[in-house]
Amino acid sequence: MSIKVIRAGMQTSIQDLGRFGFMDQGIPRSGFMDPLSATLANTLVGNVSHHPALEICMLGPELLFNQDISIAICGAVFEVERLRPHSPPEPIHNNLAVKLKAGDKLRFAKRLSGARAYLAFSAGLAIKPELNSHSTHFGAKFGGFKGRALMAGDEIPLTNIKAPGSNQQTPTEEKSVLGYGGRYILRCVDSVETSLFSRQQQRDFYHNKYQVGQASNRMGLRLDGPPLSALNIADISSSGLLNGSIQIPPGGLPIISGVDGQTIGGYPRIANVISADLFALGQLVPGDQVQFVKVCKNQAHTLLVSQKHYIKQYTS
């Protein structure tokens, strides 16, 4: 009982919601870069939100399934086909539970929008978790499948396979999907050092349009654009960083911390991306445009509740 990797893609890895309680030891949370899409995919196949899934980045894989199983794909939109012997390729759509039979292949082709897709399946992994998580940390080379991205020839062992559900893909049933159009509004709340920035610097931060730089990955997103000027902020003590923390280094261009980012940092934080918008950090590609908008904590909470209701519509 396994999934065999025929073609690995660019950076296909096993992730879950991450490992908690180890930041004081310098170990980041890691996990899904887009937790919204991953949670939705898991929900569609009857899993809990922290169940491990495959994170598929930029260039997708080709996979062989050795047993009947249900799968769901959410997040970035790829052209995906199911391949069966003696049958023409059949397109597979996002945001739907799909039944596969033993011997089926799933082939990811052209990426149409977004950066990361999530493939959830109705089975557990026969892989020992590291620090209570199956998430892969590439820099430290632990977790997931041998601490690395998947490679051609790998076989992911499965356990506790649930019988495929009654849901069968029908394109006319596909619900609306999130669009990834290359222009993003990231809503933010104040951070611990916001008051160290002048009112003009804060206005410039929220007025400027930035582009995602080439040097962006799961550790962090570096932005290009107009730098904040007249930075005369005194040295601060290094302190904890979270996914979505926005630091301003001496050069004046923002850096957004990612799920594999360092656990402490010494650059002042001007803002934090709200929890409801963290999914977008996993879908940004170099060249995408980003603008920040300030909201209050009550608005941030309301938006997160609305997002949870959004997920529930896929199980109704």
C-alpha atoms as a PDB file:
ATOM      1  CA  MET A   1       0.000   0.000   0.000  1.00  0.00           C
ATOM      2  CA  SER A   2       1.880   3.005  -1.245  1.00  0.00           C
ATOM      3  CA  ILE A   3       2.116   5.965  -3.582  1.00  0.00           C
ATOM      4  CA  LYS A   4       5.029   5.610  -6.001  1.00  0.00           C
ATOM      5  CA  VAL A   5       6.770   8.703  -7.352  1.00  0.00           C
ATOM      6  CA  ILE A   6       7.233   8.411 -11.119  1.00  0.00           C
ATOM      7  CA  ARG A   7       8.315  12.037 -11.570  1.00  0.00           C
ATOM      8  CA  ALA A   8       9.029  14.189  -8.530  1.00  0.00           C
ATOM      9  CA  GLY A   9       8.419  17.736  -9.708  1.00  0.00           C
ATOM     10  CA  MET A  10      10.308  20.741  -8.370  1.00  0.00           C
ATOM     11  CA  GLN A  11       9.810  20.473  -4.602  1.00  0.00           C
ATOM     12  CA  THR A  12       7.123  17.953  -3.669  1.00  0.00           C
ATOM     13  CA  SER A  13       7.202  17.217   0.032  1.00  0.00           C
ATOM     14  CA  ILE A  14       5.211  15.825   2.935  1.00  0.00           C
ATOM     15  CA  GLN A  15       3.853  18.543   5.237  1.00  0.00           C
ATOM     16  CA  ASP A  16       1.199  18.996   7.910  1.00  0.00           C
ATOM     17  CA  LEU A  17       0.227  21.937  10.120  1.00  0.00           C
ATOM     18  CA  GLY A  18       3.692  21.875  11.668  1.00  0.00           C
ATOM     19  CA  ARG A  19       5.446  21.150  14.935  1.00  0.00           C
ATOM     20  CA  PHE A  20       4.501  23.204  17.949  1.00  0.00           C
ATOM     21  CA  GLY A  21       6.341  23.994  21.171  1.00  0.00           C
ATOM     22  CA  PHE A  22       9.937  23.878  19.951  1.00  0.00           C
ATOM     23  CA  MET A  23      10.684  27.474  18.943  1.00  0.00           C
ATOM     24  CA  ASP A  24      12.582  28.043  22.190  1.00  0.00           C
ATOM     25  CA  GLN A  25      14.997  25.373  20.917  1.00  0.00           C
ATOM     26  CA  GLY A  26      15.437  27.138  17.583  1.00  0.00           C
ATOM     27  CA  ILE A  27      13.123  24.766  15.685  1.00  0.00           C
ATOM     28  CA  PRO A  28      10.532  26.571  13.528  1.00  0.00           C
ATOM     29  CA  ARG A  29       6.971  25.428  13.108  1.00  0.00           C
ATOM     30  CA  SER A  30       7.401  24.440   9.418  1.00  0.00           C
ATOM     31  CA  GLY A  31       4.365  22.784   7.808  1.00  0.00           C
ATOM     32  CA  PHE A  32       1.962  23.902   5.099  1.00  0.00           C
ATOM     33  CA  MET A  33       2.851  27.215   3.467  1.00  0.00           C
ATOM     34  CA  ASP A  34      -0.840  27.568   2.585  1.00  0.00           C
ATOM     35  CA  PRO A  35      -2.740  26.074   5.538  1.00  0.00           C
ATOM     36  CA  LEU A  36      -6.128  27.118   4.121  1.00  0.00           C
ATOM     37  CA  SER A  37      -5.793  25.064   0.934  1.00  0.00           C
ATOM     38  CA  ALA A  38      -4.264  22.122   2.770  1.00  0.00           C
ATOM     39  CA  THR A  39      -7.030  22.113   5.375  1.00  0.00           C
ATOM     40  CA  LEU A  40      -9.642  22.244   2.632  1.00  0.00           C
ATOM     41  CA  ALA A  41      -8.049  19.306   0.804  1.00  0.00           C
ATOM     42  CA  ASN A  42      -7.956  17.256   3.996  1.00  0.00           C
ATOM     43  CA  THR A  43     -11.567  18.156   4.795  1.00  0.00           C
ATOM     44  CA  LEU A  44     -12.729  16.933   1.390  1.00  0.00           C
ATOM     45  CA  VAL A  45     -11.350  13.420   1.969  1.00  0.00           C
ATOM     46  CA  GLY A  46     -12.552  13.199   5.569  1.00  0.00           C
ATOM     47  CA  ASN A  47      -9.278  13.949   7.345  1.00  0.00           C
ATOM     48  CA  VAL A  48      -8.594  16.270  10.256  1.00  0.00           C
ATOM     49  CA  SER A  49      -6.897  19.560   9.381  1.00  0.00           C
ATOM     50  CA  HIS A  50      -3.433  18.559  10.664  1.00  0.00           C
ATOM     51  CA  HIS A  51      -3.323  15.328   8.620  1.00  0.00           C
ATOM     52  CA  PRO A  52      -0.182  15.124   6.429  1.00  0.00           C
ATOM     53  CA  ALA A  53      -0.546  15.881   2.733  1.00  0.00           C
ATOM     54  CA  LEU A  54       1.727  16.499  -0.238  1.00  0.00           C
ATOM     55  CA  GLU A  55       2.781  20.092  -0.879  1.00  0.00           C
ATOM     56  CA  ILE A  56       3.442  20.510  -4.607  1.00  0.00           C
ATOM     57  CA  CYS A  57       5.502  23.565  -5.510  1.00  0.00           C
ATOM     58  CA  MET A  58       5.619  25.226  -8.961  1.00  0.00           C
ATOM     59  CA  LEU A  59       6.314  22.075 -11.012  1.00  0.00           C
ATOM     60  CA  GLY A  60       4.150  19.065 -10.216  1.00  0.00           C
ATOM     61  CA  PRO A  61       4.856  15.325 -10.014  1.00  0.00           C
ATOM     62  CA  GLU A  62       3.512  12.168 -11.588  1.00  0.00           C
ATOM     63  CA  LEU A  63       2.321   9.602  -9.046  1.00  0.00           C
ATOM     64  CA  LEU A  64       1.204   5.972  -9.190  1.00  0.00           C
ATOM     65  CA  PHE A  65      -1.425   4.796  -6.687  1.00  0.00           C
ATOM     66  CA  ASN A  66      -1.234   1.131  -5.740  1.00  0.00           C
ATOM     67  CA  GLN A  67      -4.686   0.873  -4.103  1.00  0.00           C
ATOM     68  CA  ASP A  68      -8.173   2.334  -4.268  1.00  0.00           C
ATOM     69  CA  ILE A  69      -8.192   5.677  -2.492  1.00  0.00           C
ATOM     70  CA  SER A  70      -9.848   9.098  -2.407  1.00  0.00           C
ATOM     71  CA  ILE A  71      -7.812  12.235  -3.102  1.00  0.00           C
ATOM     72  CA  ALA A  72      -8.418  15.975  -3.281  1.00  0.00           C
ATOM     73  CA  ILE A  73      -6.321  18.770  -4.757  1.00  0.00           C
ATOM     74  CA  CYS A  74      -6.584  22.359  -3.515  1.00  0.00           C
ATOM     75  CA  GLY A  75      -4.529  25.519  -3.791  1.00  0.00           C
ATOM     76  CA  ALA A  76      -2.548  26.367  -6.917  1.00  0.00           C
ATOM     77  CA  VAL A  77      -4.247  25.367 -10.147  1.00  0.00           C
ATOM     78  CA  PHE A  78      -2.423  22.888 -12.374  1.00  0.00           C
ATOM     79  CA  GLU A  79      -3.557  20.950 -15.399  1.00  0.00           C
ATOM     80  CA  VAL A  80      -3.935  17.509 -13.787  1.00  0.00           C
ATOM     81  CA  GLU A  81      -4.820  14.227 -15.489  1.00  0.00           C
ATOM     82  CA  ARG A  82      -5.780  10.774 -14.289  1.00  0.00           C
ATOM     83  CA  LEU A  83      -4.137   8.099 -16.429  1.00  0.00           C
ATOM     84  CA  ARG A  84      -5.566   4.572 -16.714  1.00  0.00           C
ATOM     85  CA  PRO A  85      -4.475   1.707 -18.958  1.00  0.00           C
ATOM     86  CA  HIS A  86      -6.437   1.581 -22.212  1.00  0.00           C
ATOM     87  CA  SER A  87      -8.316   4.803 -21.376  1.00  0.00           C
ATOM     88  CA  PRO A  88      -7.830   8.387 -22.529  1.00  0.00           C
ATOM     89  CA  PRO A  89      -6.457  10.861 -19.966  1.00  0.00           C
ATOM     90  CA  GLU A  90      -9.180  12.363 -17.763  1.00  0.00           C
ATOM     91  CA  PRO A  91      -8.842  15.884 -16.311  1.00  0.00           C
ATOM     92  CA  ILE A  92      -8.935  16.207 -12.524  1.00  0.00           C
ATOM     93  CA  HIS A  93     -10.355  19.389 -11.014  1.00  0.00           C
ATOM     94  CA  ASN A  94      -9.470  21.283  -7.853  1.00  0.00           C
ATOM     95  CA  ASN A  95     -11.615  21.393  -4.720  1.00  0.00           C
ATOM     96  CA  LEU A  96     -13.361  18.059  -5.223  1.00  0.00           C
ATOM     97  CA  ALA A  97     -13.030  14.605  -3.705  1.00  0.00           C
ATOM     98  CA  VAL A  98     -12.000  12.133  -6.415  1.00  0.00           C
ATOM     99  CA  LYS A  99     -11.919   8.330  -6.270  1.00  0.00           C
ATOM    100  CA  LEU A 100      -8.844   6.625  -7.710  1.00  0.00           C
ATOM    101  CA  LYS A 101      -8.434   2.925  -8.397  1.00  0.00           C
ATOM    102  CA  ALA A 102      -5.351   0.791  -7.912  1.00  0.00           C
ATOM    103  CA  GLY A 103      -3.057   1.348 -10.890  1.00  0.00           C
ATOM    104  CA  ASP A 104      -4.224   4.914 -11.577  1.00  0.00           C
ATOM    105  CA  LYS A 105      -1.594   7.547 -12.225  1.00  0.00           C
ATOM    106  CA  LEU A 106      -1.986  11.223 -11.403  1.00  0.00           C
ATOM    107  CA  ARG A 107       0.002  13.553 -13.645  1.00  0.00           C
ATOM    108  CA  PHE A 108       0.510  17.255 -12.905  1.00  0.00           C
ATOM    109  CA  ALA A 109       1.239  19.259 -16.042  1.00  0.00           C
ATOM    110  CA  LYS A 110       1.150  23.019 -16.682  1.00  0.00           C
ATOM    111  CA  ARG A 111       0.758  25.332 -13.680  1.00  0.00           C
ATOM    112  CA  LEU A 112      -1.977  27.862 -14.354  1.00  0.00           C
ATOM    113  CA  SER A 113      -1.979  30.021 -11.216  1.00  0.00           C
ATOM    114  CA  GLY A 114      -0.591  30.129  -7.703  1.00  0.00           C
ATOM    115  CA  ALA A 115       2.566  28.462  -6.420  1.00  0.00           C
ATOM    116  CA  ARG A 116       1.599  25.489  -4.241  1.00  0.00           C
ATOM    117  CA  ALA A 117      -1.059  22.804  -4.569  1.00  0.00           C
ATOM    118  CA  TYR A 118      -1.985  20.361  -1.828  1.00  0.00           C
ATOM    119  CA  LEU A 119      -2.779  16.716  -2.498  1.00  0.00           C
ATOM    120  CA  ALA A 120      -4.631  15.049   0.379  1.00  0.00           C
ATOM    121  CA  PHE A 121      -5.479  11.341   0.454  1.00  0.00           C
ATOM    122  CA  SER A 122      -7.762   9.151   2.560  1.00  0.00           C
ATOM    123  CA  ALA A 123      -4.967   7.293   4.331  1.00  0.00           C
ATOM    124  CA  GLY A 124      -2.333   7.702   6.985  1.00  0.00           C
ATOM    125  CA  LEU A 125       1.426   7.611   6.503  1.00  0.00           C
ATOM    126  CA  ALA A 126       3.453   4.636   7.699  1.00  0.00           C
ATOM    127  CA  ILE A 127       6.278   7.055   8.504  1.00  0.00           C
ATOM    128  CA  LYS A 128       7.483   7.935  11.988  1.00  0.00           C
ATOM    129  CA  PRO A 129       6.832  11.598  12.866  1.00  0.00           C
ATOM    130  CA  GLU A 130       9.672  13.815  14.063  1.00  0.00           C
ATOM    131  CA  LEU A 131       8.866  16.023  17.072  1.00  0.00           C
ATOM    132  CA  ASN A 132       5.161  15.243  16.742  1.00  0.00           C
ATOM    133  CA  SER A 133       4.946  16.244  13.084  1.00  0.00           C
ATOM    134  CA  HIS A 134       5.386  14.812   9.583  1.00  0.00           C
ATOM    135  CA  SER A 135       6.459  18.188   8.200  1.00  0.00           C
ATOM    136  CA  THR A 136       9.639  18.303   6.133  1.00  0.00           C
ATOM    137  CA  HIS A 137      12.253  20.887   7.105  1.00  0.00           C
ATOM    138  CA  PHE A 138      14.615  21.126   4.140  1.00  0.00           C
ATOM    139  CA  GLY A 139      17.351  23.130   5.859  1.00  0.00           C
ATOM    140  CA  ALA A 140      17.643  20.802   8.854  1.00  0.00           C
ATOM    141  CA  LYS A 141      16.957  17.706   6.717  1.00  0.00           C
ATOM    142  CA  PHE A 142      14.467  16.029   9.016  1.00  0.00           C
ATOM    143  CA  GLY A 143      10.790  15.133   9.046  1.00  0.00           C
ATOM    144  CA  GLY A 144       8.608  14.052   6.147  1.00  0.00           C
ATOM    145  CA  PHE A 145      10.175  11.482   3.800  1.00  0.00           C
ATOM    146  CA  LYS A 146      13.841  11.130   4.791  1.00  0.00           C
ATOM    147  CA  GLY A 147      14.048  14.853   5.531  1.00  0.00           C
ATOM    148  CA  ARG A 148      13.952  15.892   1.873  1.00  0.00           C
ATOM    149  CA  ALA A 149      11.789  16.573  -1.139  1.00  0.00           C
ATOM    150  CA  LEU A 150      10.476  13.511  -2.929  1.00  0.00           C
ATOM    151  CA  MET A 151      12.531  11.956  -5.715  1.00  0.00           C
ATOM    152  CA  ALA A 152      11.659   9.702  -8.639  1.00  0.00           C
ATOM    153  CA  GLY A 153      11.467   6.105  -7.431  1.00  0.00           C
ATOM    154  CA  ASP A 154      10.377   6.935  -3.887  1.00  0.00           C
ATOM    155  CA  GLU A 155       7.449   4.989  -2.450  1.00  0.00           C
ATOM    156  CA  ILE A 156       5.365   6.647   0.256  1.00  0.00           C
ATOM    157  CA  PRO A 157       4.038   3.878   2.521  1.00  0.00           C
ATOM    158  CA  LEU A 158       0.383   4.223   3.520  1.00  0.00           C
ATOM    159  CA  THR A 159      -1.638   2.835   6.389  1.00  0.00           C
ATOM    160  CA  ASN A 160      -5.238   2.955   7.647  1.00  0.00           C
ATOM    161  CA  ILE A 161      -6.630   3.457   4.157  1.00  0.00           C
ATOM    162  CA  LYS A 162     -10.263   4.498   4.230  1.00  0.00           C
ATOM    163  CA  ALA A 163     -12.596   3.181   1.559  1.00  0.00           C
ATOM    164  CA  PRO A 164     -13.204   5.804  -1.137  1.00  0.00           C
ATOM    165  CA  GLY A 165     -16.267   7.882  -0.306  1.00  0.00           C
ATOM    166  CA  SER A 166     -19.386   8.216  -2.372  1.00  0.00           C
ATOM    167  CA  ASN A 167     -18.321  11.583  -3.778  1.00  0.00           C
ATOM    168  CA  GLN A 168     -17.297  11.315  -7.397  1.00  0.00           C
ATOM    169  CA  GLN A 169     -15.839  14.162  -9.352  1.00  0.00           C
ATOM    170  CA  THR A 170     -18.329  15.947 -11.555  1.00  0.00           C
ATOM    171  CA  PRO A 171     -17.074  19.202 -13.114  1.00  0.00           C
ATOM    172  CA  THR A 172     -20.494  20.851 -12.871  1.00  0.00           C
ATOM    173  CA  GLU A 173     -20.355  20.386  -9.085  1.00  0.00           C
ATOM    174  CA  GLU A 174     -17.078  22.248  -8.667  1.00  0.00           C
ATOM    175  CA  LYS A 175     -17.463  25.130  -6.212  1.00  0.00           C
ATOM    176  CA  SER A 176     -15.794  28.485  -6.691  1.00  0.00           C
ATOM    177  CA  VAL A 177     -12.047  28.439  -6.083  1.00  0.00           C
ATOM    178  CA  LEU A 178      -9.687  31.052  -4.769  1.00  0.00           C
ATOM    179  CA  GLY A 179      -8.084  33.008  -7.580  1.00  0.00           C
ATOM    180  CA  TYR A 180      -4.385  33.745  -7.724  1.00  0.00           C
ATOM    181  CA  GLY A 181      -4.072  36.646 -10.097  1.00  0.00           C
ATOM    182  CA  GLY A 182      -0.616  37.989  -9.265  1.00  0.00           C
ATOM    183  CA  ARG A 183      -1.887  40.988  -7.257  1.00  0.00           C
ATOM    184  CA  TYR A 184      -2.413  40.506  -3.536  1.00  0.00           C
ATOM    185  CA  ILE A 185      -3.702  42.593  -0.647  1.00  0.00           C
ATOM    186  CA  LEU A 186      -2.197  41.369   2.625  1.00  0.00           C
ATOM    187  CA  ARG A 187      -4.035  42.612   5.692  1.00  0.00           C
ATOM    188  CA  CYS A 188      -1.907  43.355   8.736  1.00  0.00           C
ATOM    189  CA  VAL A 189      -2.050  44.310  12.405  1.00  0.00           C
ATOM    190  CA  ASP A 190       0.549  46.208  14.416  1.00  0.00           C
ATOM    191  CA  SER A 191       3.596  44.332  15.647  1.00  0.00           C
ATOM    192  CA  VAL A 192       5.740  44.790  18.735  1.00  0.00           C
ATOM    193  CA  GLU A 193       8.045  47.405  17.182  1.00  0.00           C
ATOM    194  CA  THR A 194       5.494  49.291  15.074  1.00  0.00           C
ATOM    195  CA  SER A 195       5.775  52.337  17.343  1.00  0.00           C
ATOM    196  CA  LEU A 196       9.500  52.616  16.547  1.00  0.00           C
ATOM    197  CA  PHE A 197       8.599  53.633  12.977  1.00  0.00           C
ATOM    198  CA  SER A 198       7.542  57.202  12.268  1.00  0.00           C
ATOM    199  CA  ARG A 199       4.036  57.970  11.074  1.00  0.00           C
ATOM    200  CA  GLN A 200       5.451  58.769   7.637  1.00  0.00           C
ATOM    201  CA  GLN A 201       7.299  55.442   7.469  1.00  0.00           C
ATOM    202  CA  GLN A 202       4.129  53.612   8.437  1.00  0.00           C
ATOM    203  CA  ARG A 203       2.133  55.524   5.794  1.00  0.00           C
ATOM    204  CA  ASP A 204       4.764  54.710   3.175  1.00  0.00           C
ATOM    205  CA  PHE A 205       4.720  51.024   4.146  1.00  0.00           C
ATOM    206  CA  TYR A 206       0.962  50.804   3.562  1.00  0.00           C
ATOM    207  CA  HIS A 207       1.023  53.020   0.463  1.00  0.00           C
ATOM    208  CA  ASN A 208       3.878  51.324  -1.398  1.00  0.00           C
ATOM    209  CA  LYS A 209       3.395  48.536  -3.908  1.00  0.00           C
ATOM    210  CA  TYR A 210       5.998  45.779  -3.643  1.00  0.00           C
ATOM    211  CA  GLN A 211       7.008  42.856  -5.827  1.00  0.00           C
ATOM    212  CA  VAL A 212       8.007  39.414  -4.598  1.00  0.00           C
ATOM    213  CA  GLY A 213      11.728  38.996  -5.153  1.00  0.00           C
ATOM    214  CA  GLN A 214      13.587  36.026  -6.586  1.00  0.00           C
ATOM    215  CA  ALA A 215      15.238  35.271  -3.235  1.00  0.00           C
ATOM    216  CA  SER A 216      11.976  34.041  -1.691  1.00  0.00           C
ATOM    217  CA  ASN A 217      11.233  30.583  -0.326  1.00  0.00           C
ATOM    218  CA  ARG A 218       9.686  28.756   2.630  1.00  0.00           C
ATOM    219  CA  MET A 219      12.011  30.620   5.007  1.00  0.00           C
ATOM    220  CA  GLY A 220      10.842  34.047   3.961  1.00  0.00           C
ATOM    221  CA  LEU A 221       9.640  36.357   1.216  1.00  0.00           C
ATOM    222  CA  ARG A 222      11.900  39.242   0.233  1.00  0.00           C
ATOM    223  CA  LEU A 223      10.112  42.151  -1.390  1.00  0.00           C
ATOM    224  CA  ASP A 224      11.398  44.621  -3.978  1.00  0.00           C
ATOM    225  CA  GLY A 225      10.107  48.163  -4.426  1.00  0.00           C
ATOM    226  CA  PRO A 226      10.462  51.599  -2.808  1.00  0.00           C
ATOM    227  CA  PRO A 227      12.504  51.226   0.405  1.00  0.00           C
ATOM    228  CA  LEU A 228      11.436  52.944   3.593  1.00  0.00           C
ATOM    229  CA  SER A 229      13.687  55.970   4.099  1.00  0.00           C
ATOM    230  CA  ALA A 230      15.227  57.745   7.095  1.00  0.00           C
ATOM    231  CA  LEU A 231      15.544  54.573   9.127  1.00  0.00           C
ATOM    232  CA  ASN A 232      17.246  55.611  12.360  1.00  0.00           C
ATOM    233  CA  ILE A 233      15.944  52.893  14.617  1.00  0.00           C
ATOM    234  CA  ALA A 234      18.203  51.993  17.521  1.00  0.00           C
ATOM    235  CA  ASP A 235      19.416  48.424  17.883  1.00  0.00           C
ATOM    236  CA  ILE A 236      16.818  46.129  19.385  1.00  0.00           C
ATOM    237  CA  SER A 237      17.183  42.833  21.189  1.00  0.00           C
ATOM    238  CA  SER A 238      16.607  39.761  19.082  1.00  0.00           C
ATOM    239  CA  SER A 239      13.206  38.250  19.817  1.00  0.00           C
ATOM    240  CA  GLY A 240      10.749  35.704  18.489  1.00  0.00           C
ATOM    241  CA  LEU A 241       9.507  35.659  14.912  1.00  0.00           C
ATOM    242  CA  LEU A 242       6.287  34.097  13.682  1.00  0.00           C
ATOM    243  CA  ASN A 243       5.025  33.171  10.250  1.00  0.00           C
ATOM    244  CA  GLY A 244       3.840  36.486   8.803  1.00  0.00           C
ATOM    245  CA  SER A 245       6.152  38.751  10.826  1.00  0.00           C
ATOM    246  CA  ILE A 246       7.269  41.655   8.599  1.00  0.00           C
ATOM    247  CA  GLN A 247      10.780  42.840   9.362  1.00  0.00           C
ATOM    248  CA  ILE A 248      12.415  45.974   7.990  1.00  0.00           C
ATOM    249  CA  PRO A 249      16.199  45.559   7.645  1.00  0.00           C
ATOM    250  CA  PRO A 250      18.562  48.556   7.232  1.00  0.00           C
ATOM    251  CA  GLY A 251      17.979  48.552   3.448  1.00  0.00           C
ATOM    252  CA  GLY A 252      14.327  49.468   4.038  1.00  0.00           C
ATOM    253  CA  LEU A 253      12.691  46.637   2.053  1.00  0.00           C
ATOM    254  CA  PRO A 254      10.309  44.287   3.897  1.00  0.00           C
ATOM    255  CA  ILE A 255      11.010  40.626   4.619  1.00  0.00           C
ATOM    256  CA  ILE A 256       8.005  38.432   5.513  1.00  0.00           C
ATOM    257  CA  SER A 257       8.881  35.453   7.696  1.00  0.00           C
ATOM    258  CA  GLY A 258       7.827  32.045   6.355  1.00  0.00           C
ATOM    259  CA  VAL A 259       7.038  28.742   8.047  1.00  0.00           C
ATOM    260  CA  ASP A 260      10.674  27.567   7.923  1.00  0.00           C
ATOM    261  CA  GLY A 261      12.064  30.953   8.922  1.00  0.00           C
ATOM    262  CA  GLN A 262      14.400  31.647  11.804  1.00  0.00           C
ATOM    263  CA  THR A 263      12.774  31.645  15.218  1.00  0.00           C
ATOM    264  CA  ILE A 264      14.353  34.914  16.388  1.00  0.00           C
ATOM    265  CA  GLY A 265      15.450  38.061  14.609  1.00  0.00           C
ATOM    266  CA  GLY A 266      16.959  41.443  15.329  1.00  0.00           C
ATOM    267  CA  TYR A 267      15.321  43.587  12.657  1.00  0.00           C
ATOM    268  CA  PRO A 268      12.346  45.676  13.818  1.00  0.00           C
ATOM    269  CA  ARG A 269       8.911  44.364  12.883  1.00  0.00           C
ATOM    270  CA  ILE A 270       6.565  46.939  11.429  1.00  0.00           C
ATOM    271  CA  ALA A 271       3.508  44.655  11.126  1.00  0.00           C
ATOM    272  CA  ASN A 272       2.221  41.077  11.083  1.00  0.00           C
ATOM    273  CA  VAL A 273       0.137  39.493   8.328  1.00  0.00           C
ATOM    274  CA  ILE A 274      -3.162  38.362   9.878  1.00  0.00           C
ATOM    275  CA  SER A 275      -3.862  34.639  10.242  1.00  0.00           C
ATOM    276  CA  ALA A 276      -6.650  34.692   7.642  1.00  0.00           C
ATOM    277  CA  ASP A 277      -4.199  35.916   4.969  1.00  0.00           C
ATOM    278  CA  LEU A 278      -1.248  33.633   5.725  1.00  0.00           C
ATOM    279  CA  PHE A 279      -2.432  31.253   2.993  1.00  0.00           C
ATOM    280  CA  ALA A 280      -1.429  33.827   0.375  1.00  0.00           C
ATOM    281  CA  LEU A 281       2.225  33.625   1.424  1.00  0.00           C
ATOM    282  CA  GLY A 282       2.242  30.073   0.076  1.00  0.00           C
ATOM    283  CA  GLN A 283       0.860  31.145  -3.307  1.00  0.00           C
ATOM    284  CA  LEU A 284       3.129  34.107  -4.091  1.00  0.00           C
ATOM    285  CA  VAL A 285       5.610  33.721  -6.935  1.00  0.00           C
ATOM    286  CA  PRO A 286       8.462  36.058  -7.917  1.00  0.00           C
ATOM    287  CA  GLY A 287       7.087  39.130  -9.658  1.00  0.00           C
ATOM    288  CA  ASP A 288       3.694  39.061  -7.933  1.00  0.00           C
ATOM    289  CA  GLN A 289       2.563  42.435  -6.600  1.00  0.00           C
ATOM    290  CA  VAL A 290       1.872  42.897  -2.898  1.00  0.00           C
ATOM    291  CA  GLN A 291       0.288  45.773  -1.024  1.00  0.00           C
ATOM    292  CA  PHE A 292      -0.386  45.903   2.708  1.00  0.00           C
ATOM    293  CA  VAL A 293      -3.582  47.116   4.372  1.00  0.00           C
ATOM    294  CA  LYS A 294      -3.937  47.769   8.085  1.00  0.00           C
ATOM    295  CA  VAL A 295      -6.840  46.279  10.046  1.00  0.00           C
ATOM    296  CA  CYS A 296      -7.631  46.160  13.755  1.00  0.00           C
ATOM    297  CA  LYS A 297      -7.480  42.993  15.846  1.00  0.00           C
ATOM    298  CA  ASN A 298     -11.272  42.677  15.947  1.00  0.00           C
ATOM    299  CA  GLN A 299     -11.396  42.751  12.136  1.00  0.00           C
ATOM    300  CA  ALA A 300      -8.628  40.145  11.986  1.00  0.00           C
ATOM    301  CA  HIS A 301     -10.618  37.855  14.271  1.00  0.00           C
ATOM    302  CA  THR A 302     -13.824  38.315  12.255  1.00  0.00           C
ATOM    303  CA  LEU A 303     -11.991  37.513   9.016  1.00  0.00           C
ATOM    304  CA  LEU A 304     -10.566  34.313  10.499  1.00  0.00           C
ATOM    305  CA  VAL A 305     -14.027  33.174  11.616  1.00  0.00           C
ATOM    306  CA  SER A 306     -15.382  33.870   8.115  1.00  0.00           C
ATOM    307  CA  GLN A 307     -12.586  31.792   6.632  1.00  0.00           C
ATOM    308  CA  LYS A 308     -13.545  28.822   8.793  1.00  0.00           C
ATOM    309  CA  HIS A 309     -17.115  29.131   7.519  1.00  0.00           C
ATOM    310  CA  TYR A 310     -15.702  29.125   3.972  1.00  0.00           C
ATOM    311  CA  ILE A 311     -14.133  25.724   4.604  1.00  0.00           C
ATOM    312  CA  LYS A 312     -17.346  24.295   6.031  1.00  0.00           C
ATOM    313  CA  GLN A 313     -19.230  24.843   2.753  1.00  0.00           C
ATOM    314  CA  TYR A 314     -17.192  22.026   1.190  1.00  0.00           C
ATOM    315  CA  THR A 315     -18.539  19.465   3.634  1.00  0.00           C
ATOM    316  CA  SER A 316     -22.195  20.550   3.485  1.00  0.00           C
END
